[in-house]
PDB file of N, CA and C in Angstrom:
ATOM      1  N   MET A   1     -28.434 -44.758  -1.606  1.00  0.00           N
ATOM      2  CA  MET A   1     -29.699 -44.359  -3.375  1.00  0.00           C
ATOM      3  C   MET A   1     -29.299 -42.832  -3.768  1.00  0.00           C
ATOM      4  N   ARG A   2     -29.615 -42.446  -3.128  1.00  0.00           N
ATOM      5  CA  ARG A   2     -29.533 -40.548  -3.462  1.00  0.00           C
ATOM      6  C   ARG A   2     -28.086 -40.213  -3.887  1.00  0.00           C
ATOM      7  N   ASN A   3     -26.880 -41.139  -3.439  1.00  0.00           N
ATOM      8  CA  ASN A   3     -25.371 -41.515  -3.060  1.00  0.00           C
ATOM      9  C   ASN A   3     -24.933 -41.529  -4.837  1.00  0.00           C
ATOM     10  N   ILE A   4     -25.468 -42.929  -4.953  1.00  0.00           N
ATOM     11  CA  ILE A   4     -25.351 -42.885  -6.192  1.00  0.00           C
ATOM     12  C   ILE A   4     -25.183 -42.882  -7.116  1.00  0.00           C
ATOM     13  N   GLN A   5     -26.979 -41.329  -7.752  1.00  0.00           N
ATOM     14  CA  GLN A   5     -27.300 -41.012  -7.985  1.00  0.00           C
ATOM     15  C   GLN A   5     -26.418 -39.601  -8.219  1.00  0.00           C
ATOM     16  N   VAL A   6     -25.666 -39.005  -7.298  1.00  0.00           N
ATOM     17  CA  VAL A   6     -25.104 -37.856  -7.378  1.00  0.00           C
ATOM     18  C   VAL A   6     -23.377 -38.705  -8.049  1.00  0.00           C
ATOM     19  N   GLU A   7     -22.962 -39.523  -7.773  1.00  0.00           N
ATOM     20  CA  GLU A   7     -22.062 -40.190  -8.539  1.00  0.00           C
ATOM     21  C   GLU A   7     -22.069 -40.113  -9.802  1.00  0.00           C
ATOM     22  N   GLU A   8     -23.305 -40.580 -10.178  1.00  0.00           N
ATOM     23  CA  GLU A   8     -23.114 -41.157 -11.619  1.00  0.00           C
ATOM     24  C   GLU A   8     -23.511 -39.747 -12.122  1.00  0.00           C
ATOM     25  N   SER A   9     -24.186 -38.395 -11.911  1.00  0.00           N
ATOM     26  CA  SER A   9     -24.596 -37.485 -12.482  1.00  0.00           C
ATOM     27  C   SER A   9     -22.967 -37.093 -12.782  1.00  0.00           C
ATOM     28  N   ARG A  10     -22.099 -36.920 -11.935  1.00  0.00           N
ATOM     29  CA  ARG A  10     -20.548 -36.723 -11.641  1.00  0.00           C
ATOM     30  C   ARG A  10     -19.826 -37.382 -12.525  1.00  0.00           C
ATOM     31  N   LEU A  11     -20.182 -38.086 -12.751  1.00  0.00           N
ATOM     32  CA  LEU A  11     -19.521 -39.007 -14.359  1.00  0.00           C
ATOM     33  C   LEU A  11     -19.830 -38.897 -15.197  1.00  0.00           C
ATOM     34  N   ARG A  12     -20.974 -38.462 -15.678  1.00  0.00           N
ATOM     35  CA  ARG A  12     -22.062 -38.325 -16.834  1.00  0.00           C
ATOM     36  C   ARG A  12     -20.686 -36.727 -16.793  1.00  0.00           C
ATOM     37  N   MET A  13     -21.214 -36.145 -16.166  1.00  0.00           N
ATOM     38  CA  MET A  13     -20.077 -34.229 -16.620  1.00  0.00           C
ATOM     39  C   MET A  13     -19.012 -34.820 -16.603  1.00  0.00           C
ATOM     40  N   LEU A  14     -17.835 -35.281 -15.913  1.00  0.00           N
ATOM     41  CA  LEU A  14     -16.582 -35.294 -16.548  1.00  0.00           C
ATOM     42  C   LEU A  14     -16.533 -36.108 -17.663  1.00  0.00           C
ATOM     43  N   LEU A  15     -17.408 -37.345 -18.241  1.00  0.00           N
ATOM     44  CA  LEU A  15     -17.705 -37.979 -19.691  1.00  0.00           C
ATOM     45  C   LEU A  15     -17.891 -36.972 -20.883  1.00  0.00           C
ATOM     46  N   GLY A  16     -18.896 -36.453 -20.240  1.00  0.00           N
ATOM     47  CA  GLY A  16     -19.367 -35.084 -20.820  1.00  0.00           C
ATOM     48  C   GLY A  16     -18.303 -34.458 -21.502  1.00  0.00           C
ATOM     49  N   SER A  17     -17.625 -33.854 -20.535  1.00  0.00           N
ATOM     50  CA  SER A  17     -16.795 -33.025 -20.838  1.00  0.00           C
ATOM     51  C   SER A  17     -15.101 -32.918 -21.071  1.00  0.00           C
ATOM     52  N   HIS A  18     -15.183 -34.420 -21.096  1.00  0.00           N
ATOM     53  CA  HIS A  18     -13.969 -35.281 -21.153  1.00  0.00           C
ATOM     54  C   HIS A  18     -14.113 -35.388 -23.100  1.00  0.00           C
ATOM     55  N   ALA A  19     -15.664 -35.758 -23.701  1.00  0.00           N
ATOM     56  CA  ALA A  19     -15.656 -35.876 -25.443  1.00  0.00           C
ATOM     57  C   ALA A  19     -15.417 -34.496 -25.970  1.00  0.00           C
ATOM     58  N   GLU A  20     -16.043 -33.509 -25.182  1.00  0.00           N
ATOM     59  CA  GLU A  20     -15.768 -31.919 -25.728  1.00  0.00           C
ATOM     60  C   GLU A  20     -14.328 -31.749 -25.749  1.00  0.00           C
ATOM     61  N   MET A  21     -13.909 -31.719 -24.826  1.00  0.00           N
ATOM     62  CA  MET A  21     -12.287 -31.686 -25.034  1.00  0.00           C
ATOM     63  C   MET A  21     -11.640 -32.110 -26.205  1.00  0.00           C
ATOM     64  N   ARG A  22     -12.035 -34.004 -26.412  1.00  0.00           N
ATOM     65  CA  ARG A  22     -11.590 -34.752 -27.220  1.00  0.00           C
ATOM     66  C   ARG A  22     -11.789 -34.539 -28.700  1.00  0.00           C
ATOM     67  N   ASP A  23     -13.483 -33.818 -29.167  1.00  0.00           N
ATOM     68  CA  ASP A  23     -13.398 -32.806 -29.912  1.00  0.00           C
ATOM     69  C   ASP A  23     -12.935 -31.647 -29.925  1.00  0.00           C
ATOM     70  N   LEU A  24     -12.637 -31.131 -29.482  1.00  0.00           N
ATOM     71  CA  LEU A  24     -11.597 -29.401 -29.726  1.00  0.00           C
ATOM     72  C   LEU A  24     -10.913 -30.170 -29.802  1.00  0.00           C
ATOM     73  N   LEU A  25      -9.318 -31.126 -29.375  1.00  0.00           N
ATOM     74  CA  LEU A  25      -8.239 -31.379 -29.917  1.00  0.00           C
ATOM     75  C   LEU A  25      -8.215 -31.915 -31.155  1.00  0.00           C
ATOM     76  N   ALA A  26      -9.873 -32.947 -31.438  1.00  0.00           N
ATOM     77  CA  ALA A  26      -9.346 -33.203 -33.076  1.00  0.00           C
ATOM     78  C   ALA A  26      -9.892 -31.915 -34.610  1.00  0.00           C
ATOM     79  N   THR A  27     -10.500 -30.932 -34.049  1.00  0.00           N
ATOM     80  CA  THR A  27     -11.225 -29.755 -34.717  1.00  0.00           C
ATOM     81  C   THR A  27      -9.400 -28.993 -34.829  1.00  0.00           C
ATOM     82  N   GLN A  28      -9.157 -29.211 -33.772  1.00  0.00           N
ATOM     83  CA  GLN A  28      -7.548 -28.016 -33.870  1.00  0.00           C
ATOM     84  C   GLN A  28      -6.312 -28.950 -34.275  1.00  0.00           C
ATOM     85  N   ARG A  29      -6.482 -30.541 -34.838  1.00  0.00           N
ATOM     86  CA  ARG A  29      -5.354 -31.219 -34.907  1.00  0.00           C
ATOM     87  C   ARG A  29      -6.017 -30.927 -36.869  1.00  0.00           C
ATOM     88  N   ARG A  30      -7.278 -30.833 -36.821  1.00  0.00           N
ATOM     89  CA  ARG A  30      -7.798 -31.343 -38.445  1.00  0.00           C
ATOM     90  C   ARG A  30      -7.270 -29.917 -38.640  1.00  0.00           C
ATOM     91  N   THR A  31      -7.809 -28.982 -38.245  1.00  0.00           N
ATOM     92  CA  THR A  31      -7.404 -27.407 -38.821  1.00  0.00           C
ATOM     93  C   THR A  31      -5.523 -27.196 -39.080  1.00  0.00           C
ATOM     94  N   SER A  32      -4.562 -27.597 -37.622  1.00  0.00           N
ATOM     95  CA  SER A  32      -3.717 -27.408 -38.099  1.00  0.00           C
ATOM     96  C   SER A  32      -2.801 -28.547 -39.085  1.00  0.00           C
ATOM     97  N   SER A  33      -3.784 -29.893 -39.206  1.00  0.00           N
ATOM     98  CA  SER A  33      -3.131 -30.610 -40.736  1.00  0.00           C
ATOM     99  C   SER A  33      -3.179 -30.361 -41.837  1.00  0.00           C
ATOM    100  N   GLY A  34      -4.053 -28.770 -42.331  1.00  0.00           N
ATOM    101  CA  GLY A  34      -4.530 -28.192 -43.087  1.00  0.00           C
ATOM    102  C   GLY A  34      -6.054 -29.042 -44.028  1.00  0.00           C
ATOM    103  N   TRP A  35      -6.516 -29.755 -43.358  1.00  0.00           N
ATOM    104  CA  TRP A  35      -8.228 -30.613 -43.999  1.00  0.00           C
ATOM    105  C   TRP A  35      -8.817 -29.938 -43.909  1.00  0.00           C
TER     106      TRP A  35
END
């Protein structure tokens, strides 16, 4: 059971960082396109 919790938190962390990266890329694209 504990193992599953660790995997879940790890996945959540990965997804969170991925979302942050996506947001960063989106903002960079927006500024570079002149929005």
